[in-house]
Amino acid sequence: MEMALHNDVAGPQDAERDYIQWGAVIAGALAASAMSLILVTFGATVGLGVSSTAPTWRDASAALSLLSGIYLILQAVLSFGCGAYIAGRIRRPRVAAPAGEVETRDGVHGLAVWATAVVIGSLVAALIGAAAVNRPSGPSTNVSAAEPLLSYELDRLFRSGRRAAPNADIRADRAEAGRILLTSSGHAGVSSDDRAYLIQQVGSTTGLPANEAEKRVDTAIANAQNAINRSRRSTIILAFSLATAMLLGAVAAWAAACAGGRHRDGAPLPEWMTRSDLPAGRRMTVP
């Protein structure tokens, strides 16, 4: 009996050493990461994505972009709150302490869950990005940074029923044209020299007359500028949504961990967390 009491009540040095109980933190962070993955995957599946490389995404309304951002924020609050609640609920207070100190320690554990889950998510995203970058892309390296964003515009620019050289490799021409089209979003836009060069390049590659090549180039420049502006808008919404989700996630983690600590210490559970179909004395509550 004395041994059990000695193990349950630690001295001041033990309490300081165990201020952060990493077992509870890691369990909560893993739960938060798993729930976030599920919710993000579900949102992307039903079309609530804040960015995409598909040409059709650029025609999405501002309302859909805003709805996608709100969903990203809500899933972060729910995921971090769930993980932090688990950490606060399973954390074991080492010594008797004032209620304010216990709640502060529970909140700190919630923030630790939040920070750990953010690091885990960042590492997973970095690994996925590194795998995509290091993926072999074929023998040619003539790929422009504009391809993911302006691939459809480049397809239309060089589309032709008959080519001057049917077997010619136009990947280098596409890459150069893509870099020129990227300048359309600048203050000065595409320079007259670049525009004239594009007209000559399109005409020689597709075999179109000069006037038709000029119309196609002007259309491509206008479409590229519109696509870049829409992509920039989506990027701004994504950045704002991520920043808001992280900040509100930290607040939710603190509050949820404190709630888990109060329920751990005997506070009554909400009605939805109890089995209402059982008698009062047999409801599934955890002290």
C-alpha atoms as a PDB file:
ATOM      1  CA  MET A   1       0.000   0.000   0.000  1.00  0.00           C
ATOM      2  CA  GLU A   2       2.818   2.393   0.875  1.00  0.00           C
ATOM      3  CA  MET A   3       4.579   1.504  -2.379  1.00  0.00           C
ATOM      4  CA  ALA A   4       1.441   2.344  -4.394  1.00  0.00           C
ATOM      5  CA  LEU A   5       1.067   5.704  -2.669  1.00  0.00           C
ATOM      6  CA  HIS A   6       4.731   6.464  -3.266  1.00  0.00           C
ATOM      7  CA  ASN A   7       4.359   5.736  -6.968  1.00  0.00           C
ATOM      8  CA  ASP A   8       1.193   7.822  -7.441  1.00  0.00           C
ATOM      9  CA  VAL A   9       2.436  10.908  -5.600  1.00  0.00           C
ATOM     10  CA  ALA A  10       5.722  12.161  -6.982  1.00  0.00           C
ATOM     11  CA  GLY A  11       7.977  14.758  -5.475  1.00  0.00           C
ATOM     12  CA  PRO A  12       8.496  18.296  -6.804  1.00  0.00           C
ATOM     13  CA  GLN A  13      11.448  17.236  -8.988  1.00  0.00           C
ATOM     14  CA  ASP A  14       9.360  14.469 -10.601  1.00  0.00           C
ATOM     15  CA  ALA A  15       6.516  16.900 -11.199  1.00  0.00           C
ATOM     16  CA  GLU A  16       8.845  19.340 -12.958  1.00  0.00           C
ATOM     17  CA  ARG A  17      10.431  16.564 -14.995  1.00  0.00           C
ATOM     18  CA  ASP A  18       7.022  15.304 -16.124  1.00  0.00           C
ATOM     19  CA  TYR A  19       5.494  18.715 -16.831  1.00  0.00           C
ATOM     20  CA  ILE A  20       4.945  17.521 -20.420  1.00  0.00           C
ATOM     21  CA  GLN A  21       3.776  13.916 -20.640  1.00  0.00           C
ATOM     22  CA  TRP A  22       4.848  13.037 -24.138  1.00  0.00           C
ATOM     23  CA  GLY A  23       2.875   9.820 -24.271  1.00  0.00           C
ATOM     24  CA  ALA A  24      -0.370  11.765 -24.034  1.00  0.00           C
ATOM     25  CA  VAL A  25       0.915  14.420 -26.436  1.00  0.00           C
ATOM     26  CA  ILE A  26       1.954  11.921 -29.106  1.00  0.00           C
ATOM     27  CA  ALA A  27      -1.318  10.019 -28.807  1.00  0.00           C
ATOM     28  CA  GLY A  28      -3.291  13.227 -29.244  1.00  0.00           C
ATOM     29  CA  ALA A  29      -1.103  14.424 -32.137  1.00  0.00           C
ATOM     30  CA  LEU A  30      -1.521  11.140 -33.997  1.00  0.00           C
ATOM     31  CA  ALA A  31      -5.280  11.286 -33.504  1.00  0.00           C
ATOM     32  CA  ALA A  32      -5.362  14.891 -34.738  1.00  0.00           C
ATOM     33  CA  SER A  33      -3.235  14.059 -37.802  1.00  0.00           C
ATOM     34  CA  ALA A  34      -5.379  11.055 -38.685  1.00  0.00           C
ATOM     35  CA  MET A  35      -8.630  12.984 -38.391  1.00  0.00           C
ATOM     36  CA  SER A  36      -7.211  15.883 -40.389  1.00  0.00           C
ATOM     37  CA  LEU A  37      -6.131  13.511 -43.156  1.00  0.00           C
ATOM     38  CA  ILE A  38      -9.598  11.966 -43.290  1.00  0.00           C
ATOM     39  CA  LEU A  39     -11.380  15.322 -43.379  1.00  0.00           C
ATOM     40  CA  VAL A  40      -9.027  16.868 -45.958  1.00  0.00           C
ATOM     41  CA  THR A  41      -9.345  13.806 -48.184  1.00  0.00           C
ATOM     42  CA  PHE A  42     -13.123  13.934 -47.901  1.00  0.00           C
ATOM     43  CA  GLY A  43     -13.169  17.636 -48.722  1.00  0.00           C
ATOM     44  CA  ALA A  44     -10.959  17.154 -51.772  1.00  0.00           C
ATOM     45  CA  THR A  45     -13.149  14.253 -52.921  1.00  0.00           C
ATOM     46  CA  VAL A  46     -16.353  16.294 -52.834  1.00  0.00           C
ATOM     47  CA  GLY A  47     -14.683  19.258 -54.540  1.00  0.00           C
ATOM     48  CA  LEU A  48     -13.857  21.465 -51.550  1.00  0.00           C
ATOM     49  CA  GLY A  49     -10.275  22.095 -52.589  1.00  0.00           C
ATOM     50  CA  VAL A  50      -8.786  25.578 -52.285  1.00  0.00           C
ATOM     51  CA  SER A  51      -6.417  25.070 -55.231  1.00  0.00           C
ATOM     52  CA  SER A  52      -5.981  22.834 -58.238  1.00  0.00           C
ATOM     53  CA  THR A  53      -3.983  22.635 -61.450  1.00  0.00           C
ATOM     54  CA  ALA A  54      -7.033  21.617 -63.485  1.00  0.00           C
ATOM     55  CA  PRO A  55      -8.197  24.243 -65.983  1.00  0.00           C
ATOM     56  CA  THR A  56     -11.799  23.877 -64.799  1.00  0.00           C
ATOM     57  CA  TRP A  57     -10.850  25.052 -61.297  1.00  0.00           C
ATOM     58  CA  ARG A  58     -10.078  28.497 -62.659  1.00  0.00           C
ATOM     59  CA  ASP A  59     -13.756  28.871 -63.560  1.00  0.00           C
ATOM     60  CA  ALA A  60     -14.846  28.190 -59.968  1.00  0.00           C
ATOM     61  CA  SER A  61     -16.743  30.985 -58.281  1.00  0.00           C
ATOM     62  CA  ALA A  62     -15.407  33.062 -55.418  1.00  0.00           C
ATOM     63  CA  ALA A  63     -18.128  31.560 -53.235  1.00  0.00           C
ATOM     64  CA  LEU A  64     -16.736  28.060 -53.763  1.00  0.00           C
ATOM     65  CA  SER A  65     -13.234  29.266 -52.942  1.00  0.00           C
ATOM     66  CA  LEU A  66     -14.530  30.884 -49.758  1.00  0.00           C
ATOM     67  CA  LEU A  67     -16.488  27.754 -48.829  1.00  0.00           C
ATOM     68  CA  SER A  68     -13.374  25.646 -49.354  1.00  0.00           C
ATOM     69  CA  GLY A  69     -11.386  27.949 -47.087  1.00  0.00           C
ATOM     70  CA  ILE A  70     -14.042  27.785 -44.376  1.00  0.00           C
ATOM     71  CA  TYR A  71     -14.050  23.986 -44.579  1.00  0.00           C
ATOM     72  CA  LEU A  72     -10.255  23.951 -44.183  1.00  0.00           C
ATOM     73  CA  ILE A  73     -10.573  26.063 -41.042  1.00  0.00           C
ATOM     74  CA  LEU A  74     -13.365  23.927 -39.565  1.00  0.00           C
ATOM     75  CA  GLN A  75     -11.504  20.674 -40.155  1.00  0.00           C
ATOM     76  CA  ALA A  76      -8.422  22.084 -38.444  1.00  0.00           C
ATOM     77  CA  VAL A  77     -10.431  23.197 -35.415  1.00  0.00           C
ATOM     78  CA  LEU A  78     -12.158  19.815 -35.190  1.00  0.00           C
ATOM     79  CA  SER A  79      -8.975  17.776 -35.692  1.00  0.00           C
ATOM     80  CA  PHE A  80      -6.803  19.714 -33.248  1.00  0.00           C
ATOM     81  CA  GLY A  81      -9.625  19.866 -30.739  1.00  0.00           C
ATOM     82  CA  CYS A  82     -10.154  16.110 -30.860  1.00  0.00           C
ATOM     83  CA  GLY A  83      -6.463  15.313 -30.451  1.00  0.00           C
ATOM     84  CA  ALA A  84      -5.987  17.835 -27.637  1.00  0.00           C
ATOM     85  CA  TYR A  85      -9.065  16.556 -25.791  1.00  0.00           C
ATOM     86  CA  ILE A  86      -7.609  13.044 -25.847  1.00  0.00           C
ATOM     87  CA  ALA A  87      -4.290  14.333 -24.471  1.00  0.00           C
ATOM     88  CA  GLY A  88      -5.991  16.282 -21.687  1.00  0.00           C
ATOM     89  CA  ARG A  89      -8.253  13.374 -20.823  1.00  0.00           C
ATOM     90  CA  ILE A  90      -5.508  10.754 -20.502  1.00  0.00           C
ATOM     91  CA  ARG A  91      -2.882  12.984 -18.868  1.00  0.00           C
ATOM     92  CA  ARG A  92      -2.154  11.990 -15.275  1.00  0.00           C
ATOM     93  CA  PRO A  93      -1.565  14.857 -12.826  1.00  0.00           C
ATOM     94  CA  ARG A  94       1.461  13.964 -10.728  1.00  0.00           C
ATOM     95  CA  VAL A  95       0.942  16.063  -7.627  1.00  0.00           C
ATOM     96  CA  ALA A  96      -1.867  17.975  -6.023  1.00  0.00           C
ATOM     97  CA  ALA A  97      -1.961  21.479  -7.468  1.00  0.00           C
ATOM     98  CA  PRO A  98      -4.347  24.435  -7.575  1.00  0.00           C
ATOM     99  CA  ALA A  99      -7.119  24.178 -10.141  1.00  0.00           C
ATOM    100  CA  GLY A 100      -5.630  27.025 -12.161  1.00  0.00           C
ATOM    101  CA  GLU A 101      -2.260  25.288 -12.408  1.00  0.00           C
ATOM    102  CA  VAL A 102      -3.859  22.002 -13.452  1.00  0.00           C
ATOM    103  CA  GLU A 103      -5.853  23.744 -16.187  1.00  0.00           C
ATOM    104  CA  THR A 104      -2.731  25.575 -17.385  1.00  0.00           C
ATOM    105  CA  ARG A 105      -0.833  22.307 -17.661  1.00  0.00           C
ATOM    106  CA  ASP A 106      -3.722  20.740 -19.563  1.00  0.00           C
ATOM    107  CA  GLY A 107      -3.732  23.709 -21.952  1.00  0.00           C
ATOM    108  CA  VAL A 108       0.024  23.441 -22.469  1.00  0.00           C
ATOM    109  CA  HIS A 109      -0.438  19.789 -23.386  1.00  0.00           C
ATOM    110  CA  GLY A 110      -3.074  20.873 -25.901  1.00  0.00           C
ATOM    111  CA  LEU A 111      -0.617  23.310 -27.477  1.00  0.00           C
ATOM    112  CA  ALA A 112       2.002  20.554 -27.564  1.00  0.00           C
ATOM    113  CA  VAL A 113      -0.463  18.344 -29.429  1.00  0.00           C
ATOM    114  CA  TRP A 114      -1.126  21.183 -31.878  1.00  0.00           C
ATOM    115  CA  ALA A 115       2.571  21.824 -32.497  1.00  0.00           C
ATOM    116  CA  THR A 116       3.405  18.127 -32.879  1.00  0.00           C
ATOM    117  CA  ALA A 117       0.536  17.553 -35.307  1.00  0.00           C
ATOM    118  CA  VAL A 118       1.628  20.576 -37.381  1.00  0.00           C
ATOM    119  CA  VAL A 119       5.178  19.209 -37.559  1.00  0.00           C
ATOM    120  CA  ILE A 120       3.904  15.765 -38.563  1.00  0.00           C
ATOM    121  CA  GLY A 121       1.713  17.262 -41.284  1.00  0.00           C
ATOM    122  CA  SER A 122       4.577  19.428 -42.566  1.00  0.00           C
ATOM    123  CA  LEU A 123       6.933  16.446 -42.750  1.00  0.00           C
ATOM    124  CA  VAL A 124       4.370  14.362 -44.640  1.00  0.00           C
ATOM    125  CA  ALA A 125       3.729  17.223 -47.080  1.00  0.00           C
ATOM    126  CA  ALA A 126       7.479  17.730 -47.567  1.00  0.00           C
ATOM    127  CA  LEU A 127       8.021  14.026 -48.266  1.00  0.00           C
ATOM    128  CA  ILE A 128       5.177  13.979 -50.799  1.00  0.00           C
ATOM    129  CA  GLY A 129       6.532  17.115 -52.477  1.00  0.00           C
ATOM    130  CA  ALA A 130      10.056  15.723 -52.597  1.00  0.00           C
ATOM    131  CA  ALA A 131       8.809  12.475 -54.136  1.00  0.00           C
ATOM    132  CA  ALA A 132       6.919  14.430 -56.800  1.00  0.00           C
ATOM    133  CA  VAL A 133       9.940  16.611 -57.608  1.00  0.00           C
ATOM    134  CA  ASN A 134      12.349  13.682 -57.808  1.00  0.00           C
ATOM    135  CA  ARG A 135      10.058  11.617 -60.028  1.00  0.00           C
ATOM    136  CA  PRO A 136      11.702  10.884 -63.404  1.00  0.00           C
ATOM    137  CA  SER A 137      10.104  12.991 -66.135  1.00  0.00           C
ATOM    138  CA  GLY A 138      11.585  11.472 -69.280  1.00  0.00           C
ATOM    139  CA  PRO A 139      14.599  12.186 -71.402  1.00  0.00           C
ATOM    140  CA  SER A 140      13.777  15.831 -72.152  1.00  0.00           C
ATOM    141  CA  THR A 141      14.252  18.616 -69.617  1.00  0.00           C
ATOM    142  CA  ASN A 142      12.534  21.284 -71.724  1.00  0.00           C
ATOM    143  CA  VAL A 143       9.674  21.757 -69.286  1.00  0.00           C
ATOM    144  CA  SER A 144       8.578  25.250 -68.278  1.00  0.00           C
ATOM    145  CA  ALA A 145       7.324  26.266 -64.872  1.00  0.00           C
ATOM    146  CA  ALA A 146       4.210  27.446 -66.709  1.00  0.00           C
ATOM    147  CA  GLU A 147       3.180  23.925 -67.734  1.00  0.00           C
ATOM    148  CA  PRO A 148       1.133  23.017 -64.627  1.00  0.00           C
ATOM    149  CA  LEU A 149      -0.741  26.321 -64.754  1.00  0.00           C
ATOM    150  CA  LEU A 150      -0.896  27.182 -68.477  1.00  0.00           C
ATOM    151  CA  SER A 151      -0.791  23.742 -70.062  1.00  0.00           C
ATOM    152  CA  TYR A 152      -4.237  24.186 -71.635  1.00  0.00           C
ATOM    153  CA  GLU A 153      -3.344  27.620 -73.028  1.00  0.00           C
ATOM    154  CA  LEU A 154      -0.133  26.192 -74.511  1.00  0.00           C
ATOM    155  CA  ASP A 155      -2.080  23.309 -76.045  1.00  0.00           C
ATOM    156  CA  ARG A 156      -4.415  25.752 -77.769  1.00  0.00           C
ATOM    157  CA  LEU A 157      -1.540  27.991 -78.808  1.00  0.00           C
ATOM    158  CA  PHE A 158       0.279  25.235 -80.712  1.00  0.00           C
ATOM    159  CA  ARG A 159      -2.787  23.286 -81.849  1.00  0.00           C
ATOM    160  CA  SER A 160      -2.726  22.526 -85.563  1.00  0.00           C
ATOM    161  CA  GLY A 161      -4.312  20.158 -88.037  1.00  0.00           C
ATOM    162  CA  ARG A 162      -1.153  20.206 -90.129  1.00  0.00           C
ATOM    163  CA  ARG A 163       2.357  21.080 -89.065  1.00  0.00           C
ATOM    164  CA  ALA A 164       5.225  22.320 -91.159  1.00  0.00           C
ATOM    165  CA  ALA A 165       7.337  19.521 -89.628  1.00  0.00           C
ATOM    166  CA  PRO A 166       5.001  16.743 -88.425  1.00  0.00           C
ATOM    167  CA  ASN A 167       7.689  14.870 -86.467  1.00  0.00           C
ATOM    168  CA  ALA A 168       9.217  17.941 -84.852  1.00  0.00           C
ATOM    169  CA  ASP A 169       9.641  18.037 -81.066  1.00  0.00           C
ATOM    170  CA  ILE A 170       7.957  21.242 -79.860  1.00  0.00           C
ATOM    171  CA  ARG A 171       8.610  20.811 -76.127  1.00  0.00           C
ATOM    172  CA  ALA A 172      11.328  23.458 -76.187  1.00  0.00           C
ATOM    173  CA  ASP A 173       8.984  25.844 -78.024  1.00  0.00           C
ATOM    174  CA  ARG A 174       6.220  25.199 -75.472  1.00  0.00           C
ATOM    175  CA  ALA A 175       8.606  25.834 -72.597  1.00  0.00           C
ATOM    176  CA  GLU A 176       9.801  29.114 -74.087  1.00  0.00           C
ATOM    177  CA  ALA A 177       6.252  30.224 -74.907  1.00  0.00           C
ATOM    178  CA  GLY A 178       5.158  29.349 -71.375  1.00  0.00           C
ATOM    179  CA  ARG A 179       7.867  31.534 -69.864  1.00  0.00           C
ATOM    180  CA  ILE A 180       6.776  34.398 -72.100  1.00  0.00           C
ATOM    181  CA  LEU A 181       3.101  33.961 -71.180  1.00  0.00           C
ATOM    182  CA  LEU A 182       3.992  34.103 -67.482  1.00  0.00           C
ATOM    183  CA  THR A 183       5.044  37.715 -67.973  1.00  0.00           C
ATOM    184  CA  SER A 184       1.462  38.616 -68.935  1.00  0.00           C
ATOM    185  CA  SER A 185       0.558  39.055 -65.267  1.00  0.00           C
ATOM    186  CA  GLY A 186       3.213  41.707 -64.721  1.00  0.00           C
ATOM    187  CA  HIS A 187       2.597  45.445 -64.743  1.00  0.00           C
ATOM    188  CA  ALA A 188       4.092  45.863 -68.207  1.00  0.00           C
ATOM    189  CA  GLY A 189       2.566  42.678 -69.608  1.00  0.00           C
ATOM    190  CA  VAL A 190       4.072  40.846 -72.569  1.00  0.00           C
ATOM    191  CA  SER A 191       6.503  43.103 -74.409  1.00  0.00           C
ATOM    192  CA  SER A 192       6.013  43.877 -78.081  1.00  0.00           C
ATOM    193  CA  ASP A 193       9.191  41.994 -78.960  1.00  0.00           C
ATOM    194  CA  ASP A 194       8.013  38.858 -77.122  1.00  0.00           C
ATOM    195  CA  ARG A 195       4.583  39.135 -78.727  1.00  0.00           C
ATOM    196  CA  ALA A 196       6.102  39.408 -82.209  1.00  0.00           C
ATOM    197  CA  TYR A 197       8.377  36.450 -81.459  1.00  0.00           C
ATOM    198  CA  LEU A 198       5.429  34.344 -80.283  1.00  0.00           C
ATOM    199  CA  ILE A 199       3.508  35.150 -83.461  1.00  0.00           C
ATOM    200  CA  GLN A 200       6.475  34.073 -85.563  1.00  0.00           C
ATOM    201  CA  GLN A 201       6.992  30.926 -83.472  1.00  0.00           C
ATOM    202  CA  VAL A 202       3.317  29.882 -83.646  1.00  0.00           C
ATOM    203  CA  GLY A 203       3.172  30.546 -87.369  1.00  0.00           C
ATOM    204  CA  SER A 204       6.274  28.511 -88.132  1.00  0.00           C
ATOM    205  CA  THR A 205       5.240  25.625 -85.850  1.00  0.00           C
ATOM    206  CA  THR A 206       1.581  25.332 -86.814  1.00  0.00           C
ATOM    207  CA  GLY A 207       1.693  26.583 -90.374  1.00  0.00           C
ATOM    208  CA  LEU A 208      -1.004  29.198 -89.716  1.00  0.00           C
ATOM    209  CA  PRO A 209      -1.116  32.490 -91.677  1.00  0.00           C
ATOM    210  CA  ALA A 210       0.327  35.512 -89.879  1.00  0.00           C
ATOM    211  CA  ASN A 211      -3.051  37.107 -89.109  1.00  0.00           C
ATOM    212  CA  GLU A 212      -4.453  33.899 -87.577  1.00  0.00           C
ATOM    213  CA  ALA A 213      -1.261  33.316 -85.596  1.00  0.00           C
ATOM    214  CA  GLU A 214      -1.531  36.877 -84.262  1.00  0.00           C
ATOM    215  CA  LYS A 215      -5.134  36.337 -83.127  1.00  0.00           C
ATOM    216  CA  ARG A 216      -4.184  33.083 -81.429  1.00  0.00           C
ATOM    217  CA  VAL A 217      -1.278  34.701 -79.594  1.00  0.00           C
ATOM    218  CA  ASP A 218      -3.438  37.610 -78.388  1.00  0.00           C
ATOM    219  CA  THR A 219      -6.073  35.159 -77.157  1.00  0.00           C
ATOM    220  CA  ALA A 220      -3.421  33.068 -75.378  1.00  0.00           C
ATOM    221  CA  ILE A 221      -1.980  36.151 -73.668  1.00  0.00           C
ATOM    222  CA  ALA A 222      -5.414  37.248 -72.431  1.00  0.00           C
ATOM    223  CA  ASN A 223      -6.296  33.739 -71.232  1.00  0.00           C
ATOM    224  CA  ALA A 224      -2.928  33.324 -69.526  1.00  0.00           C
ATOM    225  CA  GLN A 225      -3.342  36.609 -67.676  1.00  0.00           C
ATOM    226  CA  ASN A 226      -6.807  35.565 -66.515  1.00  0.00           C
ATOM    227  CA  ALA A 227      -5.568  32.124 -65.423  1.00  0.00           C
ATOM    228  CA  ILE A 228      -2.660  33.584 -63.476  1.00  0.00           C
ATOM    229  CA  ASN A 229      -4.922  36.084 -61.719  1.00  0.00           C
ATOM    230  CA  ARG A 230      -7.353  33.333 -60.703  1.00  0.00           C
ATOM    231  CA  SER A 231      -4.508  31.157 -59.510  1.00  0.00           C
ATOM    232  CA  ARG A 232      -3.147  34.068 -57.498  1.00  0.00           C
ATOM    233  CA  ARG A 233      -6.573  34.589 -55.920  1.00  0.00           C
ATOM    234  CA  SER A 234      -6.746  30.909 -54.976  1.00  0.00           C
ATOM    235  CA  THR A 235      -3.239  31.086 -53.506  1.00  0.00           C
ATOM    236  CA  ILE A 236      -4.192  34.078 -51.363  1.00  0.00           C
ATOM    237  CA  ILE A 237      -7.307  32.277 -50.110  1.00  0.00           C
ATOM    238  CA  LEU A 238      -5.227  29.171 -49.388  1.00  0.00           C
ATOM    239  CA  ALA A 239      -2.592  31.135 -47.451  1.00  0.00           C
ATOM    240  CA  PHE A 240      -5.207  33.043 -45.447  1.00  0.00           C
ATOM    241  CA  SER A 241      -7.173  29.864 -44.736  1.00  0.00           C
ATOM    242  CA  LEU A 242      -4.072  27.983 -43.600  1.00  0.00           C
ATOM    243  CA  ALA A 243      -2.950  30.807 -41.307  1.00  0.00           C
ATOM    244  CA  THR A 244      -6.429  31.157 -39.804  1.00  0.00           C
ATOM    245  CA  ALA A 245      -6.769  27.388 -39.445  1.00  0.00           C
ATOM    246  CA  MET A 246      -3.458  27.159 -37.580  1.00  0.00           C
ATOM    247  CA  LEU A 247      -4.289  30.018 -35.205  1.00  0.00           C
ATOM    248  CA  LEU A 248      -7.820  28.829 -34.468  1.00  0.00           C
ATOM    249  CA  GLY A 249      -6.504  25.271 -34.201  1.00  0.00           C
ATOM    250  CA  ALA A 250      -4.162  26.367 -31.409  1.00  0.00           C
ATOM    251  CA  VAL A 251      -7.044  28.041 -29.564  1.00  0.00           C
ATOM    252  CA  ALA A 252      -9.229  24.961 -30.029  1.00  0.00           C
ATOM    253  CA  ALA A 253      -6.405  22.686 -28.821  1.00  0.00           C
ATOM    254  CA  TRP A 254      -5.969  24.695 -25.612  1.00  0.00           C
ATOM    255  CA  ALA A 255      -9.703  24.777 -24.885  1.00  0.00           C
ATOM    256  CA  ALA A 256     -10.246  21.101 -25.736  1.00  0.00           C
ATOM    257  CA  ALA A 257      -7.325  19.947 -23.587  1.00  0.00           C
ATOM    258  CA  CYS A 258      -8.678  21.952 -20.647  1.00  0.00           C
ATOM    259  CA  ALA A 259     -12.112  20.400 -21.194  1.00  0.00           C
ATOM    260  CA  GLY A 260     -10.562  16.942 -21.285  1.00  0.00           C
ATOM    261  CA  GLY A 261      -8.741  17.672 -18.040  1.00  0.00           C
ATOM    262  CA  ARG A 262     -11.935  18.785 -16.315  1.00  0.00           C
ATOM    263  CA  HIS A 263     -13.724  15.618 -17.420  1.00  0.00           C
ATOM    264  CA  ARG A 264     -10.736  13.580 -16.257  1.00  0.00           C
ATOM    265  CA  ASP A 265     -10.986  15.167 -12.821  1.00  0.00           C
ATOM    266  CA  GLY A 266     -14.680  14.344 -12.435  1.00  0.00           C
ATOM    267  CA  ALA A 267     -16.607  17.134 -14.143  1.00  0.00           C
ATOM    268  CA  PRO A 268     -19.898  15.869 -15.624  1.00  0.00           C
ATOM    269  CA  LEU A 269     -19.753  14.865 -19.268  1.00  0.00           C
ATOM    270  CA  PRO A 270     -22.033  16.439 -21.873  1.00  0.00           C
ATOM    271  CA  GLU A 271     -25.189  14.530 -22.631  1.00  0.00           C
ATOM    272  CA  TRP A 272     -23.991  13.477 -26.112  1.00  0.00           C
ATOM    273  CA  MET A 273     -20.934  11.784 -24.582  1.00  0.00           C
ATOM    274  CA  THR A 274     -23.004   9.472 -22.354  1.00  0.00           C
ATOM    275  CA  ARG A 275     -25.147   6.432 -23.171  1.00  0.00           C
ATOM    276  CA  SER A 276     -28.648   7.781 -22.650  1.00  0.00           C
ATOM    277  CA  ASP A 277     -30.213   4.369 -23.247  1.00  0.00           C
ATOM    278  CA  LEU A 278     -28.672   2.945 -20.042  1.00  0.00           C
ATOM    279  CA  PRO A 279     -29.822   3.559 -16.474  1.00  0.00           C
ATOM    280  CA  ALA A 280     -28.170   6.501 -14.753  1.00  0.00           C
ATOM    281  CA  GLY A 281     -25.997   4.242 -12.632  1.00  0.00           C
ATOM    282  CA  ARG A 282     -24.655   2.304 -15.627  1.00  0.00           C
ATOM    283  CA  ARG A 283     -23.852   5.086 -18.073  1.00  0.00           C
ATOM    284  CA  MET A 284     -20.468   4.871 -19.738  1.00  0.00           C
ATOM    285  CA  THR A 285     -18.514   7.600 -17.996  1.00  0.00           C
ATOM    286  CA  VAL A 286     -14.819   7.690 -17.215  1.00  0.00           C
ATOM    287  CA  PRO A 287     -13.753   9.267 -13.936  1.00  0.00           C
END
